[in-house]
Amino acid sequence: MSAFVVPKSKVAEDRVVDENRFAFQLEEGGPEFSVPKMEFLSRPATKYLTASYAKTTEADLVRGLIEIECPDAFPVVDEMEDDQAIELSVAWAAASKVDAGESEASAGS
C-alpha cells in the first residue's frame, strides 16, 4: 500500500504572484512593499486573524498582519496613527476579493 502524498499548496504558490499581491508605500516616493491579497494570506496570518479578530481594533489587526506578511514594513506601520492603519486596511481589502471583516471561508459562499 502506498501512502498518500499531500500535494504542494496552490495558495502558497499563488501567494507570490504579483497579481495576487497588494502593493503599498508608507510615504510618497518611499520604498514599495507588498502583502498577499487577503484571499492569499498565509496560515500564520489566518490563525492570527482567527485568534485576534474579536479582541482588537482594525488598526491593530492590520499591524499584526503586516508584521506576519511583510516584516520589513512593520516598524513604520507599527508607529502609524490608527487612522492611517485603517486607511491601509481599507485599501488592502478593496484590492482583495474579500471585504474587511469577511472571513476567507465566507468569501467563497
Protein backbone atom coordinates (compact mmCIF):
# COMPACT_ATOMS: atom_id res chain seq x y z
CA MET A 1 0.00 0.00 0.00
CA SER A 2 1.28 3.47 -0.93
CA ALA A 3 0.99 6.42 1.39
CA PHE A 4 -0.93 9.45 0.22
CA VAL A 5 1.38 12.30 -0.69
CA VAL A 6 -0.07 15.68 0.20
CA PRO A 7 0.25 17.97 -2.84
CA LYS A 8 2.02 21.31 -2.68
CA SER A 9 -0.22 24.20 -1.77
CA LYS A 10 -1.68 26.06 -4.73
CA VAL A 11 -2.48 29.01 -2.44
CA ALA A 12 1.16 29.20 -1.31
CA GLU A 13 2.30 29.19 -4.94
CA ASP A 14 -0.28 31.79 -5.92
CA ARG A 15 0.61 34.00 -2.94
CA VAL A 16 3.84 35.18 -4.58
CA VAL A 17 2.35 36.04 -7.99
CA ASP A 18 2.29 39.84 -8.46
CA GLU A 19 -1.40 39.96 -9.41
CA ASN A 20 -2.24 38.27 -6.10
CA ARG A 21 -0.42 40.86 -4.03
CA PHE A 22 -1.32 44.33 -2.76
CA ALA A 23 1.49 46.87 -3.12
CA PHE A 24 1.75 49.94 -0.91
CA GLN A 25 4.14 52.71 0.04
CA LEU A 26 4.43 54.14 3.52
CA GLU A 27 5.19 57.58 2.13
CA GLU A 28 5.15 59.22 -1.30
CA GLY A 29 8.31 58.21 -3.16
CA GLY A 30 9.28 55.72 -0.45
CA PRO A 31 10.05 52.05 -0.97
CA GLU A 32 7.25 49.82 -2.17
CA PHE A 33 6.12 46.90 -0.04
CA SER A 34 3.63 44.16 -0.84
CA VAL A 35 1.46 41.71 1.01
CA PRO A 36 -0.68 38.89 -0.31
CA LYS A 37 -4.23 39.90 -1.13
CA MET A 38 -6.45 38.77 1.71
CA GLU A 39 -7.63 35.64 -0.04
CA PHE A 40 -3.99 34.52 -0.25
CA LEU A 41 -2.92 35.18 3.36
CA SER A 42 -0.52 32.68 4.89
CA ARG A 43 -1.65 30.19 7.52
CA PRO A 44 0.08 32.15 10.32
CA ALA A 45 -1.86 35.24 9.22
CA THR A 46 -5.23 33.45 9.14
CA LYS A 47 -4.52 31.93 12.56
CA TYR A 48 -3.70 35.41 13.86
CA LEU A 49 -6.98 36.78 12.45
CA THR A 50 -8.99 33.95 13.98
CA ALA A 51 -7.40 34.48 17.39
CA SER A 52 -7.46 38.28 17.37
CA TYR A 53 -10.47 39.43 15.33
CA ALA A 54 -12.93 39.96 18.18
CA LYS A 55 -10.29 41.12 20.65
CA THR A 56 -8.56 44.00 18.92
CA THR A 57 -9.10 47.05 16.73
CA GLU A 58 -8.97 47.11 12.94
CA ALA A 59 -5.81 49.24 13.15
CA ASP A 60 -4.06 46.69 15.36
CA LEU A 61 -5.30 43.80 13.20
CA VAL A 62 -3.68 45.31 10.12
CA ARG A 63 -0.47 45.96 12.09
CA GLY A 64 -0.38 42.31 13.13
CA LEU A 65 -0.98 41.12 9.58
CA ILE A 66 1.79 43.37 8.26
CA GLU A 67 4.14 42.03 10.93
CA ILE A 68 3.46 38.49 9.65
CA GLU A 69 3.23 39.10 5.90
CA CYS A 70 5.69 42.00 5.41
CA PRO A 71 8.03 42.29 8.40
CA ASP A 72 10.20 44.90 6.65
CA ALA A 73 7.29 47.37 6.69
CA PHE A 74 6.19 46.60 10.23
CA PRO A 75 8.36 49.08 12.17
CA VAL A 76 6.83 52.01 10.28
CA VAL A 77 3.28 50.60 10.21
CA ASP A 78 3.53 49.97 13.94
CA GLU A 79 4.19 53.68 14.51
CA MET A 80 1.32 54.87 12.27
CA GLU A 81 -1.66 56.62 13.75
CA ASP A 82 -4.77 54.41 13.85
CA ASP A 83 -6.50 56.34 11.05
CA GLN A 84 -3.53 55.67 8.75
CA ALA A 85 -3.52 51.95 9.57
CA ILE A 86 -7.27 51.80 8.91
CA GLU A 87 -6.79 53.51 5.52
CA LEU A 88 -4.19 50.85 4.70
CA SER A 89 -6.63 48.13 5.79
CA VAL A 90 -9.47 49.55 3.68
CA ALA A 91 -7.27 49.83 0.58
CA TRP A 92 -5.93 46.29 1.09
CA ALA A 93 -9.46 44.90 1.44
CA ALA A 94 -10.62 46.83 -1.64
CA ALA A 95 -7.79 45.31 -3.69
CA SER A 96 -8.71 41.83 -2.43
CA LYS A 97 -11.72 39.64 -3.17
CA VAL A 98 -12.89 39.73 0.44
CA ASP A 99 -14.34 42.60 2.42
CA ALA A 100 -12.85 43.84 5.65
CA GLY A 101 -14.50 41.74 8.34
CA GLU A 102 -15.29 38.85 6.00
CA SER A 103 -13.53 35.59 6.63
CA GLU A 104 -11.84 33.65 3.86
CA ALA A 105 -14.33 30.82 4.38
CA SER A 106 -17.36 33.05 3.94
CA ALA A 107 -15.87 34.79 0.90
CA GLY A 108 -16.40 31.66 -1.17
CA SER A 109 -20.05 31.19 -0.24
